[in-house]
Amino acid sequence: DERAEVADQLTTLASLARPAGGVSAG
């Protein structure tokens, strides 16, 4: 149960650093 909750939090954390649209280029 705790793992599922933390997994949701990590998913949210990971989505914060994704660029808009999900892709980026240098």
mmCIF file of all heavy atoms, coordinates in Angstrom:
data_MODEL
# 
_entry.id   MODEL 
# 
loop_
_atom_site.group_PDB 
_atom_site.id 
_atom_site.type_symbol 
_atom_site.label_atom_id 
_atom_site.label_alt_id 
_atom_site.label_comp_id 
_atom_site.label_asym_id 
_atom_site.label_entity_id 
_atom_site.label_seq_id 
_atom_site.pdbx_PDB_ins_code 
_atom_site.Cartn_x 
_atom_site.Cartn_y 
_atom_site.Cartn_z 
_atom_site.occupancy 
_atom_site.B_iso_or_equiv 
_atom_site.pdbx_formal_charge 
_atom_site.auth_seq_id 
_atom_site.auth_comp_id 
_atom_site.auth_asym_id 
_atom_site.auth_atom_id 
_atom_site.pdbx_PDB_model_num 
ATOM 1   N N   . ASP A 1 1  ? 0.828  -1.211 0.000   1.00 0.00 ? 1  ASP A N   1 
ATOM 2   C CA  . ASP A 1 1  ? 0.000  0.000  0.000   1.00 0.00 ? 1  ASP A CA  1 
ATOM 3   C C   . ASP A 1 1  ? 0.862  1.261  0.000   1.00 0.00 ? 1  ASP A C   1 
ATOM 4   O O   . ASP A 1 1  ? 0.609  2.199  -0.757  1.00 0.00 ? 1  ASP A O   1 
ATOM 5   C CB  . ASP A 1 1  ? -0.951 0.023  1.201   1.00 0.00 ? 1  ASP A CB  1 
ATOM 6   C CG  . ASP A 1 1  ? -2.043 -1.038 1.095   1.00 0.00 ? 1  ASP A CG  1 
ATOM 7   O OD1 . ASP A 1 1  ? -2.340 -1.471 -0.038  1.00 0.00 ? 1  ASP A OD1 1 
ATOM 8   O OD2 . ASP A 1 1  ? -2.588 -1.434 2.148   1.00 0.00 ? 1  ASP A OD2 1 
ATOM 9   N N   . GLU A 1 2  ? 1.867  1.276  0.865   1.00 0.00 ? 2  GLU A N   1 
ATOM 10  C CA  . GLU A 1 2  ? 2.768  2.438  0.923   1.00 0.00 ? 2  GLU A CA  1 
ATOM 11  C C   . GLU A 1 2  ? 3.539  2.586  -0.392  1.00 0.00 ? 2  GLU A C   1 
ATOM 12  O O   . GLU A 1 2  ? 3.734  3.697  -0.876  1.00 0.00 ? 2  GLU A O   1 
ATOM 13  C CB  . GLU A 1 2  ? 3.769  2.281  2.069   1.00 0.00 ? 2  GLU A CB  1 
ATOM 14  C CG  . GLU A 1 2  ? 3.146  2.355  3.448   1.00 0.00 ? 2  GLU A CG  1 
ATOM 15  C CD  . GLU A 1 2  ? 4.161  2.024  4.528   1.00 0.00 ? 2  GLU A CD  1 
ATOM 16  O OE1 . GLU A 1 2  ? 4.944  1.078  4.355   1.00 0.00 ? 2  GLU A OE1 1 
ATOM 17  O OE2 . GLU A 1 2  ? 4.157  2.744  5.553   1.00 0.00 ? 2  GLU A OE2 1 
ATOM 18  N N   . ARG A 1 3  ? 3.941  1.468  -0.961  1.00 0.00 ? 3  ARG A N   1 
ATOM 19  C CA  . ARG A 1 3  ? 4.685  1.491  -2.219  1.00 0.00 ? 3  ARG A CA  1 
ATOM 20  C C   . ARG A 1 3  ? 3.834  2.111  -3.335  1.00 0.00 ? 3  ARG A C   1 
ATOM 21  O O   . ARG A 1 3  ? 4.322  2.921  -4.111  1.00 0.00 ? 3  ARG A O   1 
ATOM 22  C CB  . ARG A 1 3  ? 5.116  0.078  -2.596  1.00 0.00 ? 3  ARG A CB  1 
ATOM 23  C CG  . ARG A 1 3  ? 6.013  0.034  -3.813  1.00 0.00 ? 3  ARG A CG  1 
ATOM 24  C CD  . ARG A 1 3  ? 6.488  -1.369 -4.112  1.00 0.00 ? 3  ARG A CD  1 
ATOM 25  N NE  . ARG A 1 3  ? 7.294  -1.877 -3.021  1.00 0.00 ? 3  ARG A NE  1 
ATOM 26  C CZ  . ARG A 1 3  ? 7.231  -3.123 -2.550  1.00 0.00 ? 3  ARG A CZ  1 
ATOM 27  N NH1 . ARG A 1 3  ? 6.421  -4.000 -3.085  1.00 0.00 ? 3  ARG A NH1 1 
ATOM 28  N NH2 . ARG A 1 3  ? 8.002  -3.495 -1.552  1.00 0.00 ? 3  ARG A NH2 1 
ATOM 29  N N   . ALA A 1 4  ? 2.561  1.753  -3.383  1.00 0.00 ? 4  ALA A N   1 
ATOM 30  C CA  . ALA A 1 4  ? 1.671  2.307  -4.407  1.00 0.00 ? 4  ALA A CA  1 
ATOM 31  C C   . ALA A 1 4  ? 1.517  3.817  -4.228  1.00 0.00 ? 4  ALA A C   1 
ATOM 32  O O   . ALA A 1 4  ? 1.519  4.572  -5.204  1.00 0.00 ? 4  ALA A O   1 
ATOM 33  C CB  . ALA A 1 4  ? 0.311  1.621  -4.349  1.00 0.00 ? 4  ALA A CB  1 
ATOM 34  N N   . GLU A 1 5  ? 1.408  4.262  -2.985  1.00 0.00 ? 5  GLU A N   1 
ATOM 35  C CA  . GLU A 1 5  ? 1.266  5.694  -2.714  1.00 0.00 ? 5  GLU A CA  1 
ATOM 36  C C   . GLU A 1 5  ? 2.527  6.464  -3.099  1.00 0.00 ? 5  GLU A C   1 
ATOM 37  O O   . GLU A 1 5  ? 2.467  7.515  -3.744  1.00 0.00 ? 5  GLU A O   1 
ATOM 38  C CB  . GLU A 1 5  ? 0.944  5.908  -1.230  1.00 0.00 ? 5  GLU A CB  1 
ATOM 39  C CG  . GLU A 1 5  ? 0.547  7.329  -0.914  1.00 0.00 ? 5  GLU A CG  1 
ATOM 40  C CD  . GLU A 1 5  ? 0.073  7.481  0.521   1.00 0.00 ? 5  GLU A CD  1 
ATOM 41  O OE1 . GLU A 1 5  ? -0.446 6.505  1.100   1.00 0.00 ? 5  GLU A OE1 1 
ATOM 42  O OE2 . GLU A 1 5  ? 0.229  8.595  1.054   1.00 0.00 ? 5  GLU A OE2 1 
ATOM 43  N N   . VAL A 1 6  ? 3.694  5.937  -2.721  1.00 0.00 ? 6  VAL A N   1 
ATOM 44  C CA  . VAL A 1 6  ? 4.951  6.593  -3.065  1.00 0.00 ? 6  VAL A CA  1 
ATOM 45  C C   . VAL A 1 6  ? 5.179  6.539  -4.576  1.00 0.00 ? 6  VAL A C   1 
ATOM 46  O O   . VAL A 1 6  ? 5.681  7.491  -5.166  1.00 0.00 ? 6  VAL A O   1 
ATOM 47  C CB  . VAL A 1 6  ? 6.129  5.992  -2.274  1.00 0.00 ? 6  VAL A CB  1 
ATOM 48  C CG1 . VAL A 1 6  ? 7.460  6.504  -2.787  1.00 0.00 ? 6  VAL A CG1 1 
ATOM 49  C CG2 . VAL A 1 6  ? 5.976  6.330  -0.792  1.00 0.00 ? 6  VAL A CG2 1 
ATOM 50  N N   . ALA A 1 7  ? 4.776  5.443  -5.209  1.00 0.00 ? 7  ALA A N   1 
ATOM 51  C CA  . ALA A 1 7  ? 4.898  5.350  -6.672  1.00 0.00 ? 7  ALA A CA  1 
ATOM 52  C C   . ALA A 1 7  ? 4.098  6.464  -7.343  1.00 0.00 ? 7  ALA A C   1 
ATOM 53  O O   . ALA A 1 7  ? 4.570  7.083  -8.313  1.00 0.00 ? 7  ALA A O   1 
ATOM 54  C CB  . ALA A 1 7  ? 4.447  3.982  -7.162  1.00 0.00 ? 7  ALA A CB  1 
ATOM 55  N N   . ASP A 1 8  ? 2.907  6.749  -6.833  1.00 0.00 ? 8  ASP A N   1 
ATOM 56  C CA  . ASP A 1 8  ? 2.113  7.861  -7.369  1.00 0.00 ? 8  ASP A CA  1 
ATOM 57  C C   . ASP A 1 8  ? 2.839  9.191  -7.175  1.00 0.00 ? 8  ASP A C   1 
ATOM 58  O O   . ASP A 1 8  ? 2.852  10.041 -8.074  1.00 0.00 ? 8  ASP A O   1 
ATOM 59  C CB  . ASP A 1 8  ? 0.739  7.925  -6.695  1.00 0.00 ? 8  ASP A CB  1 
ATOM 60  C CG  . ASP A 1 8  ? -0.200 6.827  -7.167  1.00 0.00 ? 8  ASP A CG  1 
ATOM 61  O OD1 . ASP A 1 8  ? 0.061  6.218  -8.229  1.00 0.00 ? 8  ASP A OD1 1 
ATOM 62  O OD2 . ASP A 1 8  ? -1.193 6.570  -6.454  1.00 0.00 ? 8  ASP A OD2 1 
ATOM 63  N N   . GLN A 1 9  ? 3.437  9.370  -6.010  1.00 0.00 ? 9  GLN A N   1 
ATOM 64  C CA  . GLN A 1 9  ? 4.179  10.608 -5.749  1.00 0.00 ? 9  GLN A CA  1 
ATOM 65  C C   . GLN A 1 9  ? 5.395  10.737 -6.668  1.00 0.00 ? 9  GLN A C   1 
ATOM 66  O O   . GLN A 1 9  ? 5.696  11.825 -7.162  1.00 0.00 ? 9  GLN A O   1 
ATOM 67  C CB  . GLN A 1 9  ? 4.631  10.658 -4.290  1.00 0.00 ? 9  GLN A CB  1 
ATOM 68  C CG  . GLN A 1 9  ? 3.491  10.809 -3.313  1.00 0.00 ? 9  GLN A CG  1 
ATOM 69  C CD  . GLN A 1 9  ? 3.955  10.716 -1.875  1.00 0.00 ? 9  GLN A CD  1 
ATOM 70  O OE1 . GLN A 1 9  ? 4.797  9.885  -1.531  1.00 0.00 ? 9  GLN A OE1 1 
ATOM 71  N NE2 . GLN A 1 9  ? 3.396  11.562 -1.027  1.00 0.00 ? 9  GLN A NE2 1 
ATOM 72  N N   . LEU A 1 10 ? 6.079  9.625  -6.907  1.00 0.00 ? 10 LEU A N   1 
ATOM 73  C CA  . LEU A 1 10 ? 7.236  9.664  -7.803  1.00 0.00 ? 10 LEU A CA  1 
ATOM 74  C C   . LEU A 1 10 ? 6.808  9.926  -9.245  1.00 0.00 ? 10 LEU A C   1 
ATOM 75  O O   . LEU A 1 10 ? 7.514  10.611 -9.988  1.00 0.00 ? 10 LEU A O   1 
ATOM 76  C CB  . LEU A 1 10 ? 8.026  8.349  -7.707  1.00 0.00 ? 10 LEU A CB  1 
ATOM 77  C CG  . LEU A 1 10 ? 8.759  8.112  -6.395  1.00 0.00 ? 10 LEU A CG  1 
ATOM 78  C CD1 . LEU A 1 10 ? 9.393  6.722  -6.382  1.00 0.00 ? 10 LEU A CD1 1 
ATOM 79  C CD2 . LEU A 1 10 ? 9.807  9.189  -6.148  1.00 0.00 ? 10 LEU A CD2 1 
ATOM 80  N N   . THR A 1 11 ? 5.670  9.399  -9.636  1.00 0.00 ? 11 THR A N   1 
ATOM 81  C CA  . THR A 1 11 ? 5.146  9.664  -10.979 1.00 0.00 ? 11 THR A CA  1 
ATOM 82  C C   . THR A 1 11 ? 4.867  11.151 -11.147 1.00 0.00 ? 11 THR A C   1 
ATOM 83  O O   . THR A 1 11 ? 5.216  11.751 -12.170 1.00 0.00 ? 11 THR A O   1 
ATOM 84  C CB  . THR A 1 11 ? 3.875  8.836  -11.228 1.00 0.00 ? 11 THR A CB  1 
ATOM 85  O OG1 . THR A 1 11 ? 4.199  7.448  -11.113 1.00 0.00 ? 11 THR A OG1 1 
ATOM 86  C CG2 . THR A 1 11 ? 3.294  9.118  -12.603 1.00 0.00 ? 11 THR A CG2 1 
ATOM 87  N N   . THR A 1 12 ? 4.263  11.760 -10.135 1.00 0.00 ? 12 THR A N   1 
ATOM 88  C CA  . THR A 1 12 ? 4.000  13.199 -10.182 1.00 0.00 ? 12 THR A CA  1 
ATOM 89  C C   . THR A 1 12 ? 5.305  13.981 -10.219 1.00 0.00 ? 12 THR A C   1 
ATOM 90  O O   . THR A 1 12 ? 5.457  14.906 -11.020 1.00 0.00 ? 12 THR A O   1 
ATOM 91  C CB  . THR A 1 12 ? 3.162  13.635 -8.959  1.00 0.00 ? 12 THR A CB  1 
ATOM 92  O OG1 . THR A 1 12 ? 1.929  12.918 -8.982  1.00 0.00 ? 12 THR A OG1 1 
ATOM 93  C CG2 . THR A 1 12 ? 2.898  15.129 -8.974  1.00 0.00 ? 12 THR A CG2 1 
ATOM 94  N N   . LEU A 1 13 ? 6.253  13.592 -9.400  1.00 0.00 ? 13 LEU A N   1 
ATOM 95  C CA  . LEU A 1 13 ? 7.551  14.262 -9.384  1.00 0.00 ? 13 LEU A CA  1 
ATOM 96  C C   . LEU A 1 13 ? 8.211  14.172 -10.764 1.00 0.00 ? 13 LEU A C   1 
ATOM 97  O O   . LEU A 1 13 ? 8.714  15.162 -11.296 1.00 0.00 ? 13 LEU A O   1 
ATOM 98  C CB  . LEU A 1 13 ? 8.446  13.624 -8.321  1.00 0.00 ? 13 LEU A CB  1 
ATOM 99  C CG  . LEU A 1 13 ? 9.816  14.255 -8.150  1.00 0.00 ? 13 LEU A CG  1 
ATOM 100 C CD1 . LEU A 1 13 ? 10.183 14.290 -6.678  1.00 0.00 ? 13 LEU A CD1 1 
ATOM 101 C CD2 . LEU A 1 13 ? 10.865 13.502 -8.916  1.00 0.00 ? 13 LEU A CD2 1 
ATOM 102 N N   . ALA A 1 14 ? 8.180  12.990 -11.363 1.00 0.00 ? 14 ALA A N   1 
ATOM 103 C CA  . ALA A 1 14 ? 8.802  12.800 -12.678 1.00 0.00 ? 14 ALA A CA  1 
ATOM 104 C C   . ALA A 1 14 ? 8.126  13.663 -13.738 1.00 0.00 ? 14 ALA A C   1 
ATOM 105 O O   . ALA A 1 14 ? 8.793  14.195 -14.626 1.00 0.00 ? 14 ALA A O   1 
ATOM 106 C CB  . ALA A 1 14 ? 8.755  11.328 -13.075 1.00 0.00 ? 14 ALA A CB  1 
ATOM 107 N N   . SER A 1 15 ? 6.825  13.845 -13.633 1.00 0.00 ? 15 SER A N   1 
ATOM 108 C CA  . SER A 1 15 ? 6.112  14.632 -14.639 1.00 0.00 ? 15 SER A CA  1 
ATOM 109 C C   . SER A 1 15 ? 6.429  16.127 -14.543 1.00 0.00 ? 15 SER A C   1 
ATOM 110 O O   . SER A 1 15 ? 6.311  16.849 -15.533 1.00 0.00 ? 15 SER A O   1 
ATOM 111 C CB  . SER A 1 15 ? 4.605  14.417 -14.527 1.00 0.00 ? 15 SER A CB  1 
ATOM 112 O OG  . SER A 1 15 ? 4.098  15.034 -13.358 1.00 0.00 ? 15 SER A OG  1 
ATOM 113 N N   . LEU A 1 16 ? 6.860  16.598 -13.380 1.00 0.00 ? 16 LEU A N   1 
ATOM 114 C CA  . LEU A 1 16 ? 7.168  18.018 -13.213 1.00 0.00 ? 16 LEU A CA  1 
ATOM 115 C C   . LEU A 1 16 ? 8.362  18.458 -14.051 1.00 0.00 ? 16 LEU A C   1 
ATOM 116 O O   . LEU A 1 16 ? 8.430  19.607 -14.490 1.00 0.00 ? 16 LEU A O   1 
ATOM 117 C CB  . LEU A 1 16 ? 7.451  18.335 -11.744 1.00 0.00 ? 16 LEU A CB  1 
ATOM 118 C CG  . LEU A 1 16 ? 6.278  18.247 -10.795 1.00 0.00 ? 16 LEU A CG  1 
ATOM 119 C CD1 . LEU A 1 16 ? 6.751  18.421 -9.356  1.00 0.00 ? 16 LEU A CD1 1 
ATOM 120 C CD2 . LEU A 1 16 ? 5.221  19.267 -11.142 1.00 0.00 ? 16 LEU A CD2 1 
ATOM 121 N N   . ALA A 1 17 ? 9.301  17.562 -14.263 1.00 0.00 ? 17 ALA A N   1 
ATOM 122 C CA  . ALA A 1 17 ? 10.526 17.927 -14.976 1.00 0.00 ? 17 ALA A CA  1 
ATOM 123 C C   . ALA A 1 17 ? 10.440 17.651 -16.477 1.00 0.00 ? 17 ALA A C   1 
ATOM 124 O O   . ALA A 1 17 ? 11.370 17.945 -17.202 1.00 0.00 ? 17 ALA A O   1 
ATOM 125 C CB  . ALA A 1 17 ? 11.719 17.177 -14.391 1.00 0.00 ? 17 ALA A CB  1 
ATOM 126 N N   . ARG A 1 18 ? 9.328  17.080 -16.933 1.00 0.00 ? 18 ARG A N   1 
ATOM 127 C CA  . ARG A 1 18 ? 9.171  16.837 -18.367 1.00 0.00 ? 18 ARG A CA  1 
ATOM 128 C C   . ARG A 1 18 ? 8.818  18.130 -19.068 1.00 0.00 ? 18 ARG A C   1 
ATOM 129 O O   . ARG A 1 18 ? 7.977  18.891 -18.595 1.00 0.00 ? 18 ARG A O   1 
ATOM 130 C CB  . ARG A 1 18 ? 8.046  15.835 -18.625 1.00 0.00 ? 18 ARG A CB  1 
ATOM 131 C CG  . ARG A 1 18 ? 8.441  14.437 -18.342 1.00 0.00 ? 18 ARG A CG  1 
ATOM 132 C CD  . ARG A 1 18 ? 7.372  13.473 -18.850 1.00 0.00 ? 18 ARG A CD  1 
ATOM 133 N NE  . ARG A 1 18 ? 7.554  12.228 -18.153 1.00 0.00 ? 18 ARG A NE  1 
ATOM 134 C CZ  . ARG A 1 18 ? 6.657  11.692 -17.341 1.00 0.00 ? 18 ARG A CZ  1 
ATOM 135 N NH1 . ARG A 1 18 ? 5.494  12.265 -17.141 1.00 0.00 ? 18 ARG A NH1 1 
ATOM 136 N NH2 . ARG A 1 18 ? 6.914  10.566 -16.729 1.00 0.00 ? 18 ARG A NH2 1 
ATOM 137 N N   . PRO A 1 19 ? 9.403  18.384 -20.209 1.00 0.00 ? 19 PRO A N   1 
ATOM 138 C CA  . PRO A 1 19 ? 9.029  19.571 -20.960 1.00 0.00 ? 19 PRO A CA  1 
ATOM 139 C C   . PRO A 1 19 ? 7.596  19.459 -21.476 1.00 0.00 ? 19 PRO A C   1 
ATOM 140 O O   . PRO A 1 19 ? 7.101  18.351 -21.645 1.00 0.00 ? 19 PRO A O   1 
ATOM 141 C CB  . PRO A 1 19 ? 10.026 19.612 -22.121 1.00 0.00 ? 19 PRO A CB  1 
ATOM 142 C CG  . PRO A 1 19 ? 10.708 18.311 -22.132 1.00 0.00 ? 19 PRO A CG  1 
ATOM 143 C CD  . PRO A 1 19 ? 10.453 17.612 -20.826 1.00 0.00 ? 19 PRO A CD  1 
ATOM 144 N N   . ALA A 1 20 ? 6.961  20.600 -21.697 1.00 0.00 ? 20 ALA A N   1 
ATOM 145 C CA  . ALA A 1 20 ? 5.613  20.612 -22.260 1.00 0.00 ? 20 ALA A CA  1 
ATOM 146 C C   . ALA A 1 20 ? 5.627  19.854 -23.573 1.00 0.00 ? 20 ALA A C   1 
ATOM 147 O O   . ALA A 1 20 ? 6.497  20.044 -24.402 1.00 0.00 ? 20 ALA A O   1 
ATOM 148 C CB  . ALA A 1 20 ? 5.141  22.046 -22.472 1.00 0.00 ? 20 ALA A CB  1 
ATOM 149 N N   . GLY A 1 21 ? 4.655  18.981 -23.764 1.00 0.00 ? 21 GLY A N   1 
ATOM 150 C CA  . GLY A 1 21 ? 4.613  18.197 -24.984 1.00 0.00 ? 21 GLY A CA  1 
ATOM 151 C C   . GLY A 1 21 ? 5.412  16.907 -24.884 1.00 0.00 ? 21 GLY A C   1 
ATOM 152 O O   . GLY A 1 21 ? 5.323  16.051 -25.740 1.00 0.00 ? 21 GLY A O   1 
ATOM 153 N N   . GLY A 1 22 ? 6.228  16.752 -23.836 1.00 0.00 ? 22 GLY A N   1 
ATOM 154 C CA  . GLY A 1 22 ? 6.942  15.522 -23.612 1.00 0.00 ? 22 GLY A CA  1 
ATOM 155 C C   . GLY A 1 22 ? 8.215  15.327 -24.412 1.00 0.00 ? 22 GLY A C   1 
ATOM 156 O O   . GLY A 1 22 ? 8.827  14.285 -24.340 1.00 0.00 ? 22 GLY A O   1 
ATOM 157 N N   . VAL A 1 23 ? 8.602  16.292 -25.214 1.00 0.00 ? 23 VAL A N   1 
ATOM 158 C CA  . VAL A 1 23 ? 9.840  16.165 -25.990 1.00 0.00 ? 23 VAL A CA  1 
ATOM 159 C C   . VAL A 1 23 ? 10.641 17.438 -25.849 1.00 0.00 ? 23 VAL A C   1 
ATOM 160 O O   . VAL A 1 23 ? 10.113 18.493 -25.514 1.00 0.00 ? 23 VAL A O   1 
ATOM 161 C CB  . VAL A 1 23 ? 9.559  15.899 -27.496 1.00 0.00 ? 23 VAL A CB  1 
ATOM 162 C CG1 . VAL A 1 23 ? 8.857  14.576 -27.683 1.00 0.00 ? 23 VAL A CG1 1 
ATOM 163 C CG2 . VAL A 1 23 ? 8.753  17.022 -28.104 1.00 0.00 ? 23 VAL A CG2 1 
ATOM 164 N N   . SER A 1 24 ? 11.935 17.356 -26.089 1.00 0.00 ? 24 SER A N   1 
ATOM 165 C CA  . SER A 1 24 ? 12.772 18.546 -26.054 1.00 0.00 ? 24 SER A CA  1 
ATOM 166 C C   . SER A 1 24 ? 13.966 18.342 -26.954 1.00 0.00 ? 24 SER A C   1 
ATOM 167 O O   . SER A 1 24 ? 14.282 17.223 -27.335 1.00 0.00 ? 24 SER A O   1 
ATOM 168 C CB  . SER A 1 24 ? 13.243 18.851 -24.630 1.00 0.00 ? 24 SER A CB  1 
ATOM 169 O OG  . SER A 1 24 ? 14.113 17.834 -24.178 1.00 0.00 ? 24 SER A OG  1 
ATOM 170 N N   . ALA A 1 25 ? 14.613 19.442 -27.292 1.00 0.00 ? 25 ALA A N   1 
ATOM 171 C CA  . ALA A 1 25 ? 15.804 19.382 -28.134 1.00 0.00 ? 25 ALA A CA  1 
ATOM 172 C C   . ALA A 1 25 ? 16.770 20.460 -27.676 1.00 0.00 ? 25 ALA A C   1 
ATOM 173 O O   . ALA A 1 25 ? 16.365 21.480 -27.130 1.00 0.00 ? 25 ALA A O   1 
ATOM 174 C CB  . ALA A 1 25 ? 15.443 19.602 -29.593 1.00 0.00 ? 25 ALA A CB  1 
ATOM 175 N N   . GLY A 1 26 ? 18.043 20.226 -27.912 1.00 0.00 ? 26 GLY A N   1 
ATOM 176 C CA  . GLY A 1 26 ? 19.070 21.194 -27.561 1.00 0.00 ? 26 GLY A CA  1 
ATOM 177 C C   . GLY A 1 26 ? 19.166 22.292 -28.606 1.00 0.00 ? 26 GLY A C   1 
ATOM 178 O O   . GLY A 1 26 ? 18.310 22.427 -29.492 1.00 0.00 ? 26 GLY A O   1 
# 
